PDB file of N, CA and C in Angstrom:
ATOM      1  N   MET A   1     -31.017  -6.598 -57.865  1.00  0.00           N
ATOM      2  CA  MET A   1     -31.144  -6.197 -59.376  1.00  0.00           C
ATOM      3  C   MET A   1     -30.165  -5.035 -59.629  1.00  0.00           C
ATOM      4  N   ASN A   2     -29.704  -5.113 -60.910  1.00  0.00           N
ATOM      5  CA  ASN A   2     -28.718  -4.160 -61.353  1.00  0.00           C
ATOM      6  C   ASN A   2     -29.490  -3.253 -62.328  1.00  0.00           C
ATOM      7  N   GLY A   3     -28.899  -2.181 -62.608  1.00  0.00           N
ATOM      8  CA  GLY A   3     -29.412  -1.269 -63.537  1.00  0.00           C
ATOM      9  C   GLY A   3     -28.269  -0.313 -64.208  1.00  0.00           C
ATOM     10  N   LEU A   4     -28.544   0.419 -65.047  1.00  0.00           N
ATOM     11  CA  LEU A   4     -27.606   1.421 -65.732  1.00  0.00           C
ATOM     12  C   LEU A   4     -27.632   2.726 -64.565  1.00  0.00           C
ATOM     13  N   GLN A   5     -26.462   3.223 -64.529  1.00  0.00           N
ATOM     14  CA  GLN A   5     -26.354   4.149 -63.573  1.00  0.00           C
ATOM     15  C   GLN A   5     -25.967   5.568 -64.151  1.00  0.00           C
ATOM     16  N   ILE A   6     -26.602   6.766 -63.789  1.00  0.00           N
ATOM     17  CA  ILE A   6     -26.369   8.091 -64.049  1.00  0.00           C
ATOM     18  C   ILE A   6     -25.948   8.982 -63.152  1.00  0.00           C
ATOM     19  N   ASP A   7     -25.212  10.099 -63.546  1.00  0.00           N
ATOM     20  CA  ASP A   7     -24.711  10.993 -62.737  1.00  0.00           C
ATOM     21  C   ASP A   7     -25.869  11.759 -62.252  1.00  0.00           C
ATOM     22  N   THR A   8     -26.207  11.912 -60.800  1.00  0.00           N
ATOM     23  CA  THR A   8     -27.060  12.706 -60.579  1.00  0.00           C
ATOM     24  C   THR A   8     -27.329  13.974 -60.527  1.00  0.00           C
ATOM     25  N   THR A   9     -26.092  14.840 -60.910  1.00  0.00           N
ATOM     26  CA  THR A   9     -26.206  16.213 -60.963  1.00  0.00           C
ATOM     27  C   THR A   9     -26.200  16.528 -62.584  1.00  0.00           C
ATOM     28  N   THR A  10     -25.781  15.918 -63.468  1.00  0.00           N
ATOM     29  CA  THR A  10     -25.845  16.276 -64.834  1.00  0.00           C
ATOM     30  C   THR A  10     -26.952  15.272 -65.593  1.00  0.00           C
ATOM     31  N   GLY A  11     -27.202  14.171 -65.220  1.00  0.00           N
ATOM     32  CA  GLY A  11     -28.144  13.265 -65.834  1.00  0.00           C
ATOM     33  C   GLY A  11     -27.521  12.587 -66.977  1.00  0.00           C
ATOM     34  N   ASP A  12     -26.121  12.550 -66.958  1.00  0.00           N
ATOM     35  CA  ASP A  12     -25.469  11.687 -68.090  1.00  0.00           C
ATOM     36  C   ASP A  12     -25.223  10.228 -67.609  1.00  0.00           C
ATOM     37  N   LEU A  13     -25.191   9.498 -68.514  1.00  0.00           N
ATOM     38  CA  LEU A  13     -24.924   7.967 -68.354  1.00  0.00           C
ATOM     39  C   LEU A  13     -23.557   7.757 -67.896  1.00  0.00           C
ATOM     40  N   LEU A  14     -23.224   7.140 -66.901  1.00  0.00           N
ATOM     41  CA  LEU A  14     -21.895   6.852 -66.251  1.00  0.00           C
ATOM     42  C   LEU A  14     -21.397   5.912 -67.202  1.00  0.00           C
ATOM     43  N   VAL A  15     -20.023   5.995 -67.386  1.00  0.00           N
ATOM     44  CA  VAL A  15     -19.314   4.789 -68.333  1.00  0.00           C
ATOM     45  C   VAL A  15     -18.233   4.161 -67.643  1.00  0.00           C
ATOM     46  N   ALA A  16     -17.747   3.127 -67.905  1.00  0.00           N
ATOM     47  CA  ALA A  16     -16.510   2.424 -67.372  1.00  0.00           C
ATOM     48  C   ALA A  16     -15.658   2.290 -68.550  1.00  0.00           C
ATOM     49  N   PRO A  17     -14.509   2.033 -68.286  1.00  0.00           N
ATOM     50  CA  PRO A  17     -13.419   1.771 -69.623  1.00  0.00           C
ATOM     51  C   PRO A  17     -14.160   0.679 -70.408  1.00  0.00           C
ATOM     52  N   SER A  18     -14.947  -0.212 -70.159  1.00  0.00           N
ATOM     53  CA  SER A  18     -15.282  -1.129 -71.025  1.00  0.00           C
ATOM     54  C   SER A  18     -16.964  -0.870 -71.444  1.00  0.00           C
ATOM     55  N   GLY A  19     -17.590   0.087 -71.061  1.00  0.00           N
ATOM     56  CA  GLY A  19     -19.001   0.568 -71.444  1.00  0.00           C
ATOM     57  C   GLY A  19     -19.505   1.043 -70.243  1.00  0.00           C
ATOM     58  N   ALA A  20     -20.962   0.875 -70.315  1.00  0.00           N
ATOM     59  CA  ALA A  20     -21.734   1.596 -69.513  1.00  0.00           C
ATOM     60  C   ALA A  20     -21.730   0.943 -68.027  1.00  0.00           C
ATOM     61  N   LEU A  21     -21.834   1.798 -67.148  1.00  0.00           N
ATOM     62  CA  LEU A  21     -21.579   1.343 -65.604  1.00  0.00           C
ATOM     63  C   LEU A  21     -23.033   0.756 -65.212  1.00  0.00           C
ATOM     64  N   ILE A  22     -22.974  -0.638 -64.757  1.00  0.00           N
ATOM     65  CA  ILE A  22     -24.223  -1.086 -64.445  1.00  0.00           C
ATOM     66  C   ILE A  22     -23.849  -1.515 -62.514  1.00  0.00           C
ATOM     67  N   ALA A  23     -24.729  -1.279 -62.014  1.00  0.00           N
ATOM     68  CA  ALA A  23     -24.519  -1.343 -60.465  1.00  0.00           C
ATOM     69  C   ALA A  23     -26.060  -1.721 -59.703  1.00  0.00           C
ATOM     70  N   PRO A  24     -25.859  -2.220 -58.553  1.00  0.00           N
ATOM     71  CA  PRO A  24     -27.085  -2.459 -57.856  1.00  0.00           C
ATOM     72  C   PRO A  24     -28.086  -1.236 -57.891  1.00  0.00           C
ATOM     73  N   ALA A  25     -29.267  -1.483 -58.159  1.00  0.00           N
ATOM     74  CA  ALA A  25     -30.358  -0.357 -58.055  1.00  0.00           C
ATOM     75  C   ALA A  25     -31.454  -0.693 -57.255  1.00  0.00           C
ATOM     76  N   ASP A  26     -31.075  -1.340 -56.227  1.00  0.00           N
ATOM     77  CA  ASP A  26     -32.339  -1.935 -55.334  1.00  0.00           C
ATOM     78  C   ASP A  26     -32.840  -0.624 -54.605  1.00  0.00           C
ATOM     79  N   SER A  27     -32.208   0.272 -53.936  1.00  0.00           N
ATOM     80  CA  SER A  27     -32.730   1.352 -53.316  1.00  0.00           C
ATOM     81  C   SER A  27     -33.542   2.342 -54.154  1.00  0.00           C
ATOM     82  N   PHE A  28     -33.205   2.387 -55.488  1.00  0.00           N
ATOM     83  CA  PHE A  28     -34.040   3.114 -56.423  1.00  0.00           C
ATOM     84  C   PHE A  28     -35.423   2.556 -56.632  1.00  0.00           C
ATOM     85  N   ILE A  29     -35.273   1.309 -56.868  1.00  0.00           N
ATOM     86  CA  ILE A  29     -36.409   0.608 -57.219  1.00  0.00           C
ATOM     87  C   ILE A  29     -37.450   0.588 -56.033  1.00  0.00           C
ATOM     88  N   ALA A  30     -36.767   0.575 -54.767  1.00  0.00           N
ATOM     89  CA  ALA A  30     -37.807   0.606 -53.442  1.00  0.00           C
ATOM     90  C   ALA A  30     -38.560   1.924 -53.402  1.00  0.00           C
ATOM     91  N   GLU A  31     -37.712   3.080 -53.569  1.00  0.00           N
ATOM     92  CA  GLU A  31     -38.194   4.348 -53.785  1.00  0.00           C
ATOM     93  C   GLU A  31     -39.154   4.557 -54.789  1.00  0.00           C
ATOM     94  N   PHE A  32     -38.849   3.911 -55.913  1.00  0.00           N
ATOM     95  CA  PHE A  32     -39.851   4.258 -57.020  1.00  0.00           C
ATOM     96  C   PHE A  32     -41.177   3.512 -56.606  1.00  0.00           C
ATOM     97  N   VAL A  33     -41.275   2.254 -56.221  1.00  0.00           N
ATOM     98  CA  VAL A  33     -42.478   1.692 -55.929  1.00  0.00           C
ATOM     99  C   VAL A  33     -43.086   2.243 -54.841  1.00  0.00           C
ATOM    100  N   ILE A  34     -42.528   2.916 -53.827  1.00  0.00           N
ATOM    101  CA  ILE A  34     -42.970   3.545 -52.500  1.00  0.00           C
ATOM    102  C   ILE A  34     -43.679   4.696 -53.003  1.00  0.00           C
ATOM    103  N   ARG A  35     -43.056   5.570 -54.055  1.00  0.00           N
ATOM    104  CA  ARG A  35     -43.550   6.719 -54.342  1.00  0.00           C
ATOM    105  C   ARG A  35     -44.607   6.984 -55.397  1.00  0.00           C
ATOM    106  N   SER A  36     -44.572   5.799 -56.346  1.00  0.00           N
ATOM    107  CA  SER A  36     -45.695   5.656 -57.434  1.00  0.00           C
ATOM    108  C   SER A  36     -46.993   5.593 -56.992  1.00  0.00           C
ATOM    109  N   LEU A  37     -47.737   5.903 -57.866  1.00  0.00           N
ATOM    110  CA  LEU A  37     -49.178   5.591 -57.859  1.00  0.00           C
ATOM    111  C   LEU A  37     -49.770   4.603 -58.682  1.00  0.00           C
ATOM    112  N   ARG A  38     -50.866   3.831 -58.034  1.00  0.00           N
ATOM    113  CA  ARG A  38     -51.169   2.813 -59.250  1.00  0.00           C
ATOM    114  C   ARG A  38     -51.491   3.437 -60.246  1.00  0.00           C
ATOM    115  N   GLY A  39     -51.360   2.608 -61.599  1.00  0.00           N
ATOM    116  CA  GLY A  39     -51.378   3.122 -62.885  1.00  0.00           C
ATOM    117  C   GLY A  39     -50.460   3.958 -63.516  1.00  0.00           C
ATOM    118  N   ASP A  40     -49.396   4.128 -62.743  1.00  0.00           N
ATOM    119  CA  ASP A  40     -48.243   4.881 -63.223  1.00  0.00           C
ATOM    120  C   ASP A  40     -47.313   4.055 -64.312  1.00  0.00           C
ATOM    121  N   ILE A  41     -47.316   2.799 -64.067  1.00  0.00           N
ATOM    122  CA  ILE A  41     -46.582   1.851 -64.864  1.00  0.00           C
ATOM    123  C   ILE A  41     -47.557   0.990 -65.623  1.00  0.00           C
ATOM    124  N   LYS A  42     -47.492   1.216 -66.998  1.00  0.00           N
ATOM    125  CA  LYS A  42     -48.553   0.727 -67.889  1.00  0.00           C
ATOM    126  C   LYS A  42     -48.514  -0.763 -67.853  1.00  0.00           C
ATOM    127  N   GLU A  43     -47.225  -1.275 -67.914  1.00  0.00           N
ATOM    128  CA  GLU A  43     -47.275  -2.895 -67.674  1.00  0.00           C
ATOM    129  C   GLU A  43     -47.733  -3.512 -66.693  1.00  0.00           C
ATOM    130  N   HIS A  44     -47.480  -2.816 -65.476  1.00  0.00           N
ATOM    131  CA  HIS A  44     -47.995  -3.260 -64.108  1.00  0.00           C
ATOM    132  C   HIS A  44     -48.969  -2.279 -63.447  1.00  0.00           C
ATOM    133  N   PRO A  45     -50.277  -2.346 -63.719  1.00  0.00           N
ATOM    134  CA  PRO A  45     -51.019  -0.943 -63.347  1.00  0.00           C
ATOM    135  C   PRO A  45     -51.457  -1.200 -61.839  1.00  0.00           C
ATOM    136  N   LEU A  46     -51.110  -2.281 -61.143  1.00  0.00           N
ATOM    137  CA  LEU A  46     -51.596  -2.259 -59.618  1.00  0.00           C
ATOM    138  C   LEU A  46     -50.249  -2.182 -58.918  1.00  0.00           C
ATOM    139  N   LEU A  47     -49.088  -1.951 -59.389  1.00  0.00           N
ATOM    140  CA  LEU A  47     -48.004  -1.582 -58.633  1.00  0.00           C
ATOM    141  C   LEU A  47     -47.867  -0.241 -58.357  1.00  0.00           C
ATOM    142  N   GLY A  48     -47.613   0.204 -56.878  1.00  0.00           N
ATOM    143  CA  GLY A  48     -47.487   1.410 -56.652  1.00  0.00           C
ATOM    144  C   GLY A  48     -48.092   1.464 -55.303  1.00  0.00           C
ATOM    145  N   ALA A  49     -47.154   1.990 -54.317  1.00  0.00           N
ATOM    146  CA  ALA A  49     -47.560   2.098 -52.767  1.00  0.00           C
ATOM    147  C   ALA A  49     -48.204   3.203 -52.410  1.00  0.00           C
ATOM    148  N   GLU A  50     -48.213   4.242 -53.456  1.00  0.00           N
ATOM    149  CA  GLU A  50     -48.982   5.702 -53.257  1.00  0.00           C
ATOM    150  C   GLU A  50     -48.733   6.368 -51.822  1.00  0.00           C
ATOM    151  N   ALA A  51     -47.581   6.157 -51.574  1.00  0.00           N
ATOM    152  CA  ALA A  51     -47.094   7.056 -50.315  1.00  0.00           C
ATOM    153  C   ALA A  51     -47.426   8.581 -50.338  1.00  0.00           C
ATOM    154  N   PRO A  52     -47.318   9.371 -51.579  1.00  0.00           N
ATOM    155  CA  PRO A  52     -47.745  10.654 -51.372  1.00  0.00           C
ATOM    156  C   PRO A  52     -49.145  10.990 -51.169  1.00  0.00           C
ATOM    157  N   LEU A  53     -50.079   9.939 -51.365  1.00  0.00           N
ATOM    158  CA  LEU A  53     -51.388  10.183 -50.931  1.00  0.00           C
ATOM    159  C   LEU A  53     -51.501  10.156 -49.359  1.00  0.00           C
ATOM    160  N   MET A  54     -50.727   9.636 -48.526  1.00  0.00           N
ATOM    161  CA  MET A  54     -50.997   9.605 -47.384  1.00  0.00           C
ATOM    162  C   MET A  54     -50.273  10.739 -46.411  1.00  0.00           C
ATOM    163  N   LEU A  55     -49.767  11.824 -47.226  1.00  0.00           N
ATOM    164  CA  LEU A  55     -49.013  13.020 -46.565  1.00  0.00           C
ATOM    165  C   LEU A  55     -49.720  13.753 -45.806  1.00  0.00           C
ATOM    166  N   ALA A  56     -51.413  14.150 -46.325  1.00  0.00           N
ATOM    167  CA  ALA A  56     -52.135  14.835 -45.544  1.00  0.00           C
ATOM    168  C   ALA A  56     -53.206  14.162 -44.823  1.00  0.00           C
ATOM    169  N   GLY A  57     -53.273  12.774 -44.702  1.00  0.00           N
ATOM    170  CA  GLY A  57     -54.195  11.971 -43.927  1.00  0.00           C
ATOM    171  C   GLY A  57     -53.486  11.080 -42.810  1.00  0.00           C
ATOM    172  N   THR A  58     -54.601  10.002 -42.573  1.00  0.00           N
ATOM    173  CA  THR A  58     -54.300   9.070 -41.666  1.00  0.00           C
ATOM    174  C   THR A  58     -53.611   7.910 -42.401  1.00  0.00           C
ATOM    175  N   PRO A  59     -52.389   7.347 -41.947  1.00  0.00           N
ATOM    176  CA  PRO A  59     -51.783   6.279 -42.720  1.00  0.00           C
ATOM    177  C   PRO A  59     -52.791   5.151 -42.670  1.00  0.00           C
ATOM    178  N   ASP A  60     -52.919   4.462 -43.670  1.00  0.00           N
ATOM    179  CA  ASP A  60     -53.524   3.130 -43.732  1.00  0.00           C
ATOM    180  C   ASP A  60     -52.842   1.893 -42.984  1.00  0.00           C
ATOM    181  N   PRO A  61     -53.462   1.343 -42.054  1.00  0.00           N
ATOM    182  CA  PRO A  61     -52.834   0.389 -41.260  1.00  0.00           C
ATOM    183  C   PRO A  61     -52.303  -0.718 -41.880  1.00  0.00           C
ATOM    184  N   PHE A  62     -52.992  -1.173 -43.258  1.00  0.00           N
ATOM    185  CA  PHE A  62     -52.334  -2.203 -44.099  1.00  0.00           C
ATOM    186  C   PHE A  62     -51.440  -1.792 -45.159  1.00  0.00           C
ATOM    187  N   TRP A  63     -50.864  -0.443 -45.135  1.00  0.00           N
ATOM    188  CA  TRP A  63     -50.036  -0.133 -46.073  1.00  0.00           C
ATOM    189  C   TRP A  63     -48.554  -0.785 -45.931  1.00  0.00           C
ATOM    190  N   PRO A  64     -47.962  -0.887 -44.697  1.00  0.00           N
ATOM    191  CA  PRO A  64     -46.678  -1.590 -44.573  1.00  0.00           C
ATOM    192  C   PRO A  64     -46.789  -2.974 -45.018  1.00  0.00           C
ATOM    193  N   GLY A  65     -47.824  -3.863 -44.888  1.00  0.00           N
ATOM    194  CA  GLY A  65     -47.854  -5.247 -45.474  1.00  0.00           C
ATOM    195  C   GLY A  65     -48.159  -5.105 -46.993  1.00  0.00           C
ATOM    196  N   ASN A  66     -48.961  -4.331 -47.410  1.00  0.00           N
ATOM    197  CA  ASN A  66     -49.057  -4.350 -48.827  1.00  0.00           C
ATOM    198  C   ASN A  66     -47.790  -3.953 -49.815  1.00  0.00           C
ATOM    199  N   THR A  67     -47.137  -2.907 -49.027  1.00  0.00           N
ATOM    200  CA  THR A  67     -45.949  -2.392 -49.674  1.00  0.00           C
ATOM    201  C   THR A  67     -44.723  -3.175 -49.677  1.00  0.00           C
ATOM    202  N   LYS A  68     -44.861  -4.098 -48.423  1.00  0.00           N
ATOM    203  CA  LYS A  68     -43.701  -5.119 -48.597  1.00  0.00           C
ATOM    204  C   LYS A  68     -44.019  -6.140 -49.393  1.00  0.00           C
ATOM    205  N   LYS A  69     -45.220  -6.619 -49.940  1.00  0.00           N
ATOM    206  CA  LYS A  69     -45.434  -7.601 -50.768  1.00  0.00           C
ATOM    207  C   LYS A  69     -45.119  -7.051 -52.232  1.00  0.00           C
ATOM    208  N   MET A  70     -45.330  -5.739 -52.493  1.00  0.00           N
ATOM    209  CA  MET A  70     -45.023  -5.151 -53.737  1.00  0.00           C
ATOM    210  C   MET A  70     -43.387  -5.138 -53.971  1.00  0.00           C
ATOM    211  N   LEU A  71     -42.758  -4.783 -53.158  1.00  0.00           N
ATOM    212  CA  LEU A  71     -41.256  -4.939 -52.942  1.00  0.00           C
ATOM    213  C   LEU A  71     -41.053  -6.250 -53.251  1.00  0.00           C
ATOM    214  N   GLN A  72     -41.348  -7.137 -52.490  1.00  0.00           N
ATOM    215  CA  GLN A  72     -40.848  -8.549 -52.820  1.00  0.00           C
ATOM    216  C   GLN A  72     -41.186  -9.184 -54.371  1.00  0.00           C
ATOM    217  N   ALA A  73     -42.312  -8.795 -54.651  1.00  0.00           N
ATOM    218  CA  ALA A  73     -42.833  -9.001 -55.985  1.00  0.00           C
ATOM    219  C   ALA A  73     -41.829  -8.498 -57.214  1.00  0.00           C
ATOM    220  N   CYS A  74     -41.097  -7.395 -56.711  1.00  0.00           N
ATOM    221  CA  CYS A  74     -40.175  -6.785 -57.647  1.00  0.00           C
ATOM    222  C   CYS A  74     -38.835  -7.514 -57.353  1.00  0.00           C
ATOM    223  N   GLY A  75     -38.647  -8.239 -56.521  1.00  0.00           N
ATOM    224  CA  GLY A  75     -37.328  -9.069 -56.458  1.00  0.00           C
ATOM    225  C   GLY A  75     -36.479  -8.740 -55.286  1.00  0.00           C
ATOM    226  N   LEU A  76     -36.922  -7.621 -54.366  1.00  0.00           N
ATOM    227  CA  LEU A  76     -36.284  -7.167 -53.344  1.00  0.00           C
ATOM    228  C   LEU A  76     -36.265  -7.897 -52.210  1.00  0.00           C
ATOM    229  N   PRO A  77     -35.287  -8.378 -51.505  1.00  0.00           N
ATOM    230  CA  PRO A  77     -35.257  -9.183 -50.183  1.00  0.00           C
ATOM    231  C   PRO A  77     -35.748  -8.397 -48.971  1.00  0.00           C
ATOM    232  N   VAL A  78     -37.068  -7.943 -49.031  1.00  0.00           N
ATOM    233  CA  VAL A  78     -37.448  -7.372 -47.758  1.00  0.00           C
ATOM    234  C   VAL A  78     -38.065  -8.339 -46.692  1.00  0.00           C
ATOM    235  N   SER A  79     -37.555  -8.395 -45.423  1.00  0.00           N
ATOM    236  CA  SER A  79     -37.826  -9.191 -44.466  1.00  0.00           C
ATOM    237  C   SER A  79     -39.102  -8.163 -43.348  1.00  0.00           C
ATOM    238  N   ASN A  80     -38.597  -7.020 -43.419  1.00  0.00           N
ATOM    239  CA  ASN A  80     -39.500  -6.133 -42.550  1.00  0.00           C
ATOM    240  C   ASN A  80     -39.635  -4.613 -43.148  1.00  0.00           C
ATOM    241  N   LEU A  81     -41.010  -4.228 -43.079  1.00  0.00           N
ATOM    242  CA  LEU A  81     -41.140  -2.966 -43.510  1.00  0.00           C
ATOM    243  C   LEU A  81     -42.005  -2.153 -42.478  1.00  0.00           C
ATOM    244  N   THR A  82     -41.752  -1.191 -41.870  1.00  0.00           N
ATOM    245  CA  THR A  82     -42.364  -0.504 -40.927  1.00  0.00           C
ATOM    246  C   THR A  82     -42.513   1.097 -41.387  1.00  0.00           C
ATOM    247  N   LEU A  83     -43.592   1.680 -40.861  1.00  0.00           N
ATOM    248  CA  LEU A  83     -43.837   3.098 -40.990  1.00  0.00           C
ATOM    249  C   LEU A  83     -43.911   3.712 -39.665  1.00  0.00           C
ATOM    250  N   SER A  84     -42.751   4.551 -39.535  1.00  0.00           N
ATOM    251  CA  SER A  84     -42.605   5.247 -38.014  1.00  0.00           C
ATOM    252  C   SER A  84     -44.117   6.231 -37.745  1.00  0.00           C
ATOM    253  N   PRO A  85     -44.415   6.621 -36.554  1.00  0.00           N
ATOM    254  CA  PRO A  85     -45.319   7.729 -36.596  1.00  0.00           C
ATOM    255  C   PRO A  85     -44.863   9.139 -37.292  1.00  0.00           C
ATOM    256  N   ASP A  86     -43.727   9.438 -37.421  1.00  0.00           N
ATOM    257  CA  ASP A  86     -43.525  10.619 -38.194  1.00  0.00           C
ATOM    258  C   ASP A  86     -43.362  10.456 -39.543  1.00  0.00           C
ATOM    259  N   GLY A  87     -43.621   9.153 -40.246  1.00  0.00           N
ATOM    260  CA  GLY A  87     -43.694   9.125 -41.555  1.00  0.00           C
ATOM    261  C   GLY A  87     -42.473   8.351 -42.145  1.00  0.00           C
ATOM    262  N   VAL A  88     -41.488   7.914 -41.594  1.00  0.00           N
ATOM    263  CA  VAL A  88     -40.173   7.494 -41.982  1.00  0.00           C
ATOM    264  C   VAL A  88     -40.520   5.949 -42.342  1.00  0.00           C
ATOM    265  N   VAL A  89     -40.141   5.736 -43.601  1.00  0.00           N
ATOM    266  CA  VAL A  89     -40.259   4.007 -44.005  1.00  0.00           C
ATOM    267  C   VAL A  89     -38.912   3.381 -43.918  1.00  0.00           C
ATOM    268  N   ILE A  90     -39.063   2.443 -42.845  1.00  0.00           N
ATOM    269  CA  ILE A  90     -37.812   1.765 -42.189  1.00  0.00           C
ATOM    270  C   ILE A  90     -38.117   0.396 -43.100  1.00  0.00           C
ATOM    271  N   ILE A  91     -37.118  -0.025 -43.906  1.00  0.00           N
ATOM    272  CA  ILE A  91     -37.132  -1.065 -44.930  1.00  0.00           C
ATOM    273  C   ILE A  91     -35.780  -2.054 -44.351  1.00  0.00           C
ATOM    274  N   SER A  92     -36.129  -3.453 -43.794  1.00  0.00           N
ATOM    275  CA  SER A  92     -34.763  -4.234 -43.379  1.00  0.00           C
ATOM    276  C   SER A  92     -35.033  -5.578 -43.962  1.00  0.00           C
TER     277      SER A  92
END
């Protein structure tokens, strides 16, 4: 999936000689889905893996499978998603 790109330091839209810069945005989409809460996206209220809610508690054993399905529904080619014991999400 492609999207408009911005400069992360200034927040300005990046432009190429022919117009706005469009580049792959798969990593942004994956991070957004993992960090968002259900209800954050008005058009898709059930989308959101709710990772911040697991920061102070026990991880849900079904979280990797549910998150993988959400990312695949967004068009990302995810074949494996695991959550390491120290809380690192590994997507392949």
